[in-house]
C-alpha atoms as a PDB file:
ATOM      1  CA  UNK A   1       0.000   0.000   0.000  1.00  0.00           C
ATOM      2  CA  UNK A   2       1.379   3.410  -0.979  1.00  0.00           C
ATOM      3  CA  UNK A   3       1.930   6.294   1.454  1.00  0.00           C
ATOM      4  CA  UNK A   4      -0.954   8.179  -0.133  1.00  0.00           C
ATOM      5  CA  UNK A   5      -3.255   5.192   0.351  1.00  0.00           C
ATOM      6  CA  UNK A   6      -2.117   4.834   3.981  1.00  0.00           C
ATOM      7  CA  UNK A   7      -2.847   8.501   4.647  1.00  0.00           C
ATOM      8  CA  UNK A   8      -6.286   8.157   3.067  1.00  0.00           C
ATOM      9  CA  UNK A   9      -7.027   5.045   5.138  1.00  0.00           C
ATOM     10  CA  UNK A  10      -5.907   6.833   8.298  1.00  0.00           C
ATOM     11  CA  UNK A  11      -8.147   9.783   7.522  1.00  0.00           C
ATOM     12  CA  UNK A  12     -11.129   7.491   6.928  1.00  0.00           C
ATOM     13  CA  UNK A  13     -10.472   5.760  10.258  1.00  0.00           C
ATOM     14  CA  UNK A  14     -10.314   9.101  12.090  1.00  0.00           C
ATOM     15  CA  UNK A  15     -13.571  10.176  10.476  1.00  0.00           C
ATOM     16  CA  UNK A  16     -15.243   6.949  11.586  1.00  0.00           C
ATOM     17  CA  UNK A  17     -13.924   7.396  15.117  1.00  0.00           C
ATOM     18  CA  UNK A  18     -15.313  10.935  15.230  1.00  0.00           C
ATOM     19  CA  UNK A  19     -18.730   9.653  14.147  1.00  0.00           C
ATOM     20  CA  UNK A  20     -18.636   6.988  16.857  1.00  0.00           C
ATOM     21  CA  UNK A  21     -17.765   9.572  19.511  1.00  0.00           C
ATOM     22  CA  UNK A  22     -20.556  11.875  18.339  1.00  0.00           C
ATOM     23  CA  UNK A  23     -23.008   8.967  18.415  1.00  0.00           C
ATOM     24  CA  UNK A  24     -21.943   8.023  21.944  1.00  0.00           C
ATOM     25  CA  UNK A  25     -22.276  11.623  23.084  1.00  0.00           C
ATOM     26  CA  UNK A  26     -25.756  11.831  21.604  1.00  0.00           C
ATOM     27  CA  UNK A  27     -26.778   8.528  23.178  1.00  0.00           C
ATOM     28  CA  UNK A  28     -25.652   9.273  26.718  1.00  0.00           C
ATOM     29  CA  UNK A  29     -25.385  13.023  27.245  1.00  0.00           C
ATOM     30  CA  UNK A  30     -27.921  14.779  25.027  1.00  0.00           C
ATOM     31  CA  UNK A  31     -30.897  13.100  26.794  1.00  0.00           C
ATOM     32  CA  UNK A  32     -29.405  14.096  30.152  1.00  0.00           C
ATOM     33  CA  UNK A  33     -29.003  17.715  29.063  1.00  0.00           C
ATOM     34  CA  UNK A  34     -32.553  17.700  27.760  1.00  0.00           C
ATOM     35  CA  UNK A  35     -33.946  16.216  30.979  1.00  0.00           C
ATOM     36  CA  UNK A  36     -31.923  18.563  33.159  1.00  0.00           C
ATOM     37  CA  UNK A  37     -32.970  21.662  31.192  1.00  0.00           C
ATOM     38  CA  UNK A  38     -36.615  20.603  30.934  1.00  0.00           C
ATOM     39  CA  UNK A  39     -36.878  19.807  34.622  1.00  0.00           C
ATOM     40  CA  UNK A  40     -35.020  22.918  35.718  1.00  0.00           C
ATOM     41  CA  UNK A  41     -37.236  25.194  33.600  1.00  0.00           C
ATOM     42  CA  UNK A  42     -40.544  23.368  34.197  1.00  0.00           C
ATOM     43  CA  UNK A  43     -41.282  22.990  30.487  1.00  0.00           C
ATOM     44  CA  UNK A  44     -43.706  20.091  30.685  1.00  0.00           C
ATOM     45  CA  UNK A  45     -46.152  21.049  33.376  1.00  0.00           C
ATOM     46  CA  UNK A  46     -46.506  24.286  35.264  1.00  0.00           C
ATOM     47  CA  UNK A  47     -48.776  22.471  37.720  1.00  0.00           C
ATOM     48  CA  UNK A  48     -46.143  19.845  38.571  1.00  0.00           C
ATOM     49  CA  UNK A  49     -43.877  20.673  41.495  1.00  0.00           C
ATOM     50  CA  UNK A  50     -40.726  18.853  42.443  1.00  0.00           C
ATOM     51  CA  UNK A  51     -40.340  17.622  45.992  1.00  0.00           C
ATOM     52  CA  UNK A  52     -36.664  18.526  46.246  1.00  0.00           C
ATOM     53  CA  UNK A  53     -35.150  22.000  46.257  1.00  0.00           C
ATOM     54  CA  UNK A  54     -33.680  22.915  42.879  1.00  0.00           C
ATOM     55  CA  UNK A  55     -30.307  24.606  43.224  1.00  0.00           C
ATOM     56  CA  UNK A  56     -30.221  27.774  41.135  1.00  0.00           C
ATOM     57  CA  UNK A  57     -28.091  27.508  38.020  1.00  0.00           C
ATOM     58  CA  UNK A  58     -25.452  29.957  39.243  1.00  0.00           C
ATOM     59  CA  UNK A  59     -24.856  27.828  42.357  1.00  0.00           C
ATOM     60  CA  UNK A  60     -24.734  24.353  40.776  1.00  0.00           C
ATOM     61  CA  UNK A  61     -21.528  22.641  41.858  1.00  0.00           C
ATOM     62  CA  UNK A  62     -19.720  19.799  40.127  1.00  0.00           C
ATOM     63  CA  UNK A  63     -19.012  16.484  41.828  1.00  0.00           C
ATOM     64  CA  UNK A  64     -15.345  16.915  40.907  1.00  0.00           C
ATOM     65  CA  UNK A  65     -15.235  20.067  43.037  1.00  0.00           C
ATOM     66  CA  UNK A  66     -14.555  17.603  45.873  1.00  0.00           C
ATOM     67  CA  UNK A  67     -12.033  14.868  46.611  1.00  0.00           C
ATOM     68  CA  UNK A  68     -13.976  11.783  47.661  1.00  0.00           C
ATOM     69  CA  UNK A  69     -12.187   8.486  48.240  1.00  0.00           C
ATOM     70  CA  UNK A  70     -13.376   4.975  48.915  1.00  0.00           C
ATOM     71  CA  UNK A  71     -12.202   2.987  51.926  1.00  0.00           C
ATOM     72  CA  UNK A  72      -9.408   1.493  49.793  1.00  0.00           C
ATOM     73  CA  UNK A  73      -8.051   4.987  49.107  1.00  0.00           C
ATOM     74  CA  UNK A  74      -9.171   5.079  45.452  1.00  0.00           C
ATOM     75  CA  UNK A  75     -10.328   8.516  44.320  1.00  0.00           C
ATOM     76  CA  UNK A  76     -13.878   8.655  42.938  1.00  0.00           C
ATOM     77  CA  UNK A  77     -13.739  10.483  39.611  1.00  0.00           C
ATOM     78  CA  UNK A  78     -16.389  12.106  37.442  1.00  0.00           C
ATOM     79  CA  UNK A  79     -16.118   9.164  35.051  1.00  0.00           C
ATOM     80  CA  UNK A  80     -17.984   6.996  37.561  1.00  0.00           C
ATOM     81  CA  UNK A  81     -20.974   9.349  37.364  1.00  0.00           C
ATOM     82  CA  UNK A  82     -21.416   9.152  33.602  1.00  0.00           C
ATOM     83  CA  UNK A  83     -24.692   7.578  32.357  1.00  0.00           C
ATOM     84  CA  UNK A  84     -26.224   7.395  35.876  1.00  0.00           C
ATOM     85  CA  UNK A  85     -27.925   9.682  38.383  1.00  0.00           C
ATOM     86  CA  UNK A  86     -26.626   9.619  41.961  1.00  0.00           C
ATOM     87  CA  UNK A  87     -27.833  10.407  45.459  1.00  0.00           C
ATOM     88  CA  UNK A  88     -24.885  11.854  47.396  1.00  0.00           C
ATOM     89  CA  UNK A  89     -25.355  12.002  51.164  1.00  0.00           C
ATOM     90  CA  UNK A  90     -22.702  14.015  53.077  1.00  0.00           C
ATOM     91  CA  UNK A  91     -22.971  13.471  56.837  1.00  0.00           C
ATOM     92  CA  UNK A  92     -21.185  15.330  59.599  1.00  0.00           C
ATOM     93  CA  UNK A  93     -21.317  13.016  62.670  1.00  0.00           C
ATOM     94  CA  UNK A  94     -21.233  16.059  64.955  1.00  0.00           C
ATOM     95  CA  UNK A  95     -24.627  17.163  63.638  1.00  0.00           C
ATOM     96  CA  UNK A  96     -26.194  13.825  62.716  1.00  0.00           C
ATOM     97  CA  UNK A  97     -25.954  10.987  65.232  1.00  0.00           C
ATOM     98  CA  UNK A  98     -26.357   7.265  64.519  1.00  0.00           C
ATOM     99  CA  UNK A  99     -30.147   7.449  64.746  1.00  0.00           C
ATOM    100  CA  UNK A 100     -30.281  10.342  62.282  1.00  0.00           C
ATOM    101  CA  UNK A 101     -27.848   8.623  59.924  1.00  0.00           C
ATOM    102  CA  UNK A 102     -29.615   5.263  59.934  1.00  0.00           C
ATOM    103  CA  UNK A 103     -33.053   6.840  59.445  1.00  0.00           C
ATOM    104  CA  UNK A 104     -32.022   8.840  56.377  1.00  0.00           C
ATOM    105  CA  UNK A 105     -29.937   6.075  54.801  1.00  0.00           C
ATOM    106  CA  UNK A 106     -32.736   3.572  55.304  1.00  0.00           C
ATOM    107  CA  UNK A 107     -35.213   5.952  53.654  1.00  0.00           C
ATOM    108  CA  UNK A 108     -32.957   6.484  50.631  1.00  0.00           C
ATOM    109  CA  UNK A 109     -32.157   2.790  50.359  1.00  0.00           C
ATOM    110  CA  UNK A 110     -35.819   1.779  50.487  1.00  0.00           C
ATOM    111  CA  UNK A 111     -36.658   4.432  47.909  1.00  0.00           C
ATOM    112  CA  UNK A 112     -34.068   3.035  45.531  1.00  0.00           C
ATOM    113  CA  UNK A 113     -35.391  -0.495  45.987  1.00  0.00           C
ATOM    114  CA  UNK A 114     -38.896   0.825  45.366  1.00  0.00           C
ATOM    115  CA  UNK A 115     -37.849   1.998  41.907  1.00  0.00           C
ATOM    116  CA  UNK A 116     -37.872  -1.612  40.746  1.00  0.00           C
ATOM    117  CA  UNK A 117     -36.181  -2.114  37.378  1.00  0.00           C
ATOM    118  CA  UNK A 118     -35.354   1.606  37.252  1.00  0.00           C
ATOM    119  CA  UNK A 119     -33.123   1.290  40.337  1.00  0.00           C
ATOM    120  CA  UNK A 120     -30.151   0.410  38.125  1.00  0.00           C
ATOM    121  CA  UNK A 121     -30.237   3.945  36.716  1.00  0.00           C
ATOM    122  CA  UNK A 122     -29.243   5.592  39.993  1.00  0.00           C
ATOM    123  CA  UNK A 123     -26.402   4.986  42.438  1.00  0.00           C
ATOM    124  CA  UNK A 124     -26.001   6.250  45.971  1.00  0.00           C
ATOM    125  CA  UNK A 125     -23.032   7.297  48.044  1.00  0.00           C
ATOM    126  CA  UNK A 126     -22.675   8.235  51.708  1.00  0.00           C
ATOM    127  CA  UNK A 127     -19.830  10.728  52.282  1.00  0.00           C
ATOM    128  CA  UNK A 128     -18.204  10.865  55.722  1.00  0.00           C
ATOM    129  CA  UNK A 129     -15.198  12.706  57.193  1.00  0.00           C
ATOM    130  CA  UNK A 130     -11.979  10.786  56.630  1.00  0.00           C
ATOM    131  CA  UNK A 131     -11.469  10.070  60.338  1.00  0.00           C
ATOM    132  CA  UNK A 132     -14.915   8.499  60.776  1.00  0.00           C
ATOM    133  CA  UNK A 133     -15.127   4.827  61.727  1.00  0.00           C
ATOM    134  CA  UNK A 134     -18.605   3.383  61.272  1.00  0.00           C
ATOM    135  CA  UNK A 135     -19.800   0.079  59.932  1.00  0.00           C
ATOM    136  CA  UNK A 136     -22.306   0.981  57.213  1.00  0.00           C
ATOM    137  CA  UNK A 137     -22.885  -2.570  56.025  1.00  0.00           C
ATOM    138  CA  UNK A 138     -23.483  -2.733  52.270  1.00  0.00           C
ATOM    139  CA  UNK A 139     -24.227   0.963  51.830  1.00  0.00           C
ATOM    140  CA  UNK A 140     -21.600   2.556  49.509  1.00  0.00           C
ATOM    141  CA  UNK A 141     -19.318   4.909  51.444  1.00  0.00           C
ATOM    142  CA  UNK A 142     -16.798   7.569  50.444  1.00  0.00           C
ATOM    143  CA  UNK A 143     -14.537   9.712  52.605  1.00  0.00           C
ATOM    144  CA  UNK A 144     -13.515  13.327  52.274  1.00  0.00           C
ATOM    145  CA  UNK A 145     -12.165  16.292  54.182  1.00  0.00           C
ATOM    146  CA  UNK A 146     -14.919  18.248  55.957  1.00  0.00           C
ATOM    147  CA  UNK A 147     -15.123  21.890  56.988  1.00  0.00           C
ATOM    148  CA  UNK A 148     -17.601  23.355  59.470  1.00  0.00           C
ATOM    149  CA  UNK A 149     -20.079  23.507  56.589  1.00  0.00           C
ATOM    150  CA  UNK A 150     -19.676  20.078  55.039  1.00  0.00           C
ATOM    151  CA  UNK A 151     -17.516  18.500  52.339  1.00  0.00           C
ATOM    152  CA  UNK A 152     -14.545  20.777  51.757  1.00  0.00           C
ATOM    153  CA  UNK A 153     -14.049  21.987  48.178  1.00  0.00           C
ATOM    154  CA  UNK A 154     -10.687  21.498  46.557  1.00  0.00           C
ATOM    155  CA  UNK A 155      -8.777  24.490  45.220  1.00  0.00           C
ATOM    156  CA  UNK A 156      -9.735  25.829  41.786  1.00  0.00           C
ATOM    157  CA  UNK A 157     -12.972  23.889  41.561  1.00  0.00           C
ATOM    158  CA  UNK A 158     -14.297  22.714  38.230  1.00  0.00           C
ATOM    159  CA  UNK A 159     -17.515  24.712  38.687  1.00  0.00           C
ATOM    160  CA  UNK A 160     -15.520  27.811  39.599  1.00  0.00           C
ATOM    161  CA  UNK A 161     -17.612  28.356  42.752  1.00  0.00           C
ATOM    162  CA  UNK A 162     -15.015  27.204  45.315  1.00  0.00           C
ATOM    163  CA  UNK A 163     -17.806  26.404  47.786  1.00  0.00           C
ATOM    164  CA  UNK A 164     -18.055  23.605  50.345  1.00  0.00           C
ATOM    165  CA  UNK A 165     -20.966  21.170  50.052  1.00  0.00           C
ATOM    166  CA  UNK A 166     -23.223  21.560  53.123  1.00  0.00           C
ATOM    167  CA  UNK A 167     -23.824  18.362  55.093  1.00  0.00           C
ATOM    168  CA  UNK A 168     -27.279  17.285  56.233  1.00  0.00           C
ATOM    169  CA  UNK A 169     -28.799  17.029  52.762  1.00  0.00           C
ATOM    170  CA  UNK A 170     -29.441  14.323  50.195  1.00  0.00           C
ATOM    171  CA  UNK A 171     -28.151  15.666  46.877  1.00  0.00           C
ATOM    172  CA  UNK A 172     -29.232  14.590  43.415  1.00  0.00           C
ATOM    173  CA  UNK A 173     -26.396  14.525  40.890  1.00  0.00           C
ATOM    174  CA  UNK A 174     -26.969  14.171  37.153  1.00  0.00           C
ATOM    175  CA  UNK A 175     -24.772  12.040  34.830  1.00  0.00           C
ATOM    176  CA  UNK A 176     -22.789  15.148  33.874  1.00  0.00           C
ATOM    177  CA  UNK A 177     -21.705  15.595  37.487  1.00  0.00           C
ATOM    178  CA  UNK A 178     -23.985  18.569  38.252  1.00  0.00           C
ATOM    179  CA  UNK A 179     -25.211  18.706  41.856  1.00  0.00           C
ATOM    180  CA  UNK A 180     -28.541  20.318  41.083  1.00  0.00           C
ATOM    181  CA  UNK A 181     -31.160  19.311  43.679  1.00  0.00           C
ATOM    182  CA  UNK A 182     -31.221  18.675  47.409  1.00  0.00           C
ATOM    183  CA  UNK A 183     -33.454  17.296  50.156  1.00  0.00           C
ATOM    184  CA  UNK A 184     -32.984  18.158  53.855  1.00  0.00           C
ATOM    185  CA  UNK A 185     -32.554  15.263  56.254  1.00  0.00           C
ATOM    186  CA  UNK A 186     -35.636  14.030  58.078  1.00  0.00           C
ATOM    187  CA  UNK A 187     -35.600  13.861  61.881  1.00  0.00           C
ATOM    188  CA  UNK A 188     -38.340  11.303  62.590  1.00  0.00           C
ATOM    189  CA  UNK A 189     -39.906   8.163  61.140  1.00  0.00           C
ATOM    190  CA  UNK A 190     -43.218   9.898  60.464  1.00  0.00           C
ATOM    191  CA  UNK A 191     -41.527  12.001  57.782  1.00  0.00           C
ATOM    192  CA  UNK A 192     -39.951   8.996  56.051  1.00  0.00           C
ATOM    193  CA  UNK A 193     -42.908   7.997  53.816  1.00  0.00           C
ATOM    194  CA  UNK A 194     -43.306  11.536  52.474  1.00  0.00           C
ATOM    195  CA  UNK A 195     -39.577  11.848  51.845  1.00  0.00           C
ATOM    196  CA  UNK A 196     -39.447   8.489  50.070  1.00  0.00           C
ATOM    197  CA  UNK A 197     -42.460   9.347  47.925  1.00  0.00           C
ATOM    198  CA  UNK A 198     -40.954  12.700  46.945  1.00  0.00           C
ATOM    199  CA  UNK A 199     -37.555  11.221  46.078  1.00  0.00           C
ATOM    200  CA  UNK A 200     -39.168   8.554  43.953  1.00  0.00           C
ATOM    201  CA  UNK A 201     -41.417  10.981  42.079  1.00  0.00           C
ATOM    202  CA  UNK A 202     -38.569  13.365  41.302  1.00  0.00           C
ATOM    203  CA  UNK A 203     -36.194  10.733  39.967  1.00  0.00           C
ATOM    204  CA  UNK A 204     -38.860   8.937  37.937  1.00  0.00           C
ATOM    205  CA  UNK A 205     -39.842  12.239  36.336  1.00  0.00           C
ATOM    206  CA  UNK A 206     -36.206  12.864  35.398  1.00  0.00           C
ATOM    207  CA  UNK A 207     -35.935   9.376  33.933  1.00  0.00           C
ATOM    208  CA  UNK A 208     -39.040  10.092  31.871  1.00  0.00           C
ATOM    209  CA  UNK A 209     -37.616  13.336  30.508  1.00  0.00           C
ATOM    210  CA  UNK A 210     -34.352  11.569  29.647  1.00  0.00           C
ATOM    211  CA  UNK A 211     -36.264   9.164  27.402  1.00  0.00           C
ATOM    212  CA  UNK A 212     -38.020  12.052  25.687  1.00  0.00           C
ATOM    213  CA  UNK A 213     -34.610  13.490  24.835  1.00  0.00           C
END
């Protein structure tokens, strides 16, 4: 094969690779952007209200604004968030005792199970200070440095906000890493059914919008 033919073949291969990348982007990220924008702007129903508190666009942080590590010391990167929604639950043990922690984790866990076949579309992660020693069973746990507010932001954050992530909330993170909705912790069992119902409705609505995209 001549040099000219090799160059042509290489160019064809690059073109094919670009098309594959564009297709993958369209498959995974365009629906997420559509769902996020539609939900944030209330396009589909002015009568429908989300249960969680939407974080205003100018204050949306990125999951990579924070260093979160697993128990084995492996850093959790933004790559792990791609294609899935996440519930991130930062807990400061000084402000949320074992009873508080177990109540909120149980509520989130039961909500996820209640999603049935859709449960595979969302992951969950409890975030604790690095010096915390608690047996959380099978619940996924990450560790980070905490400030008085919550999870401490690293320097020069990806979002550009350089803000810590307040503890005591359940955060909803989209597959692009945007932390865009939050739910305050509940303090008693009577509030658990309402919280679970609200979490489930919000995430199912987002899943629905993703399909429309």
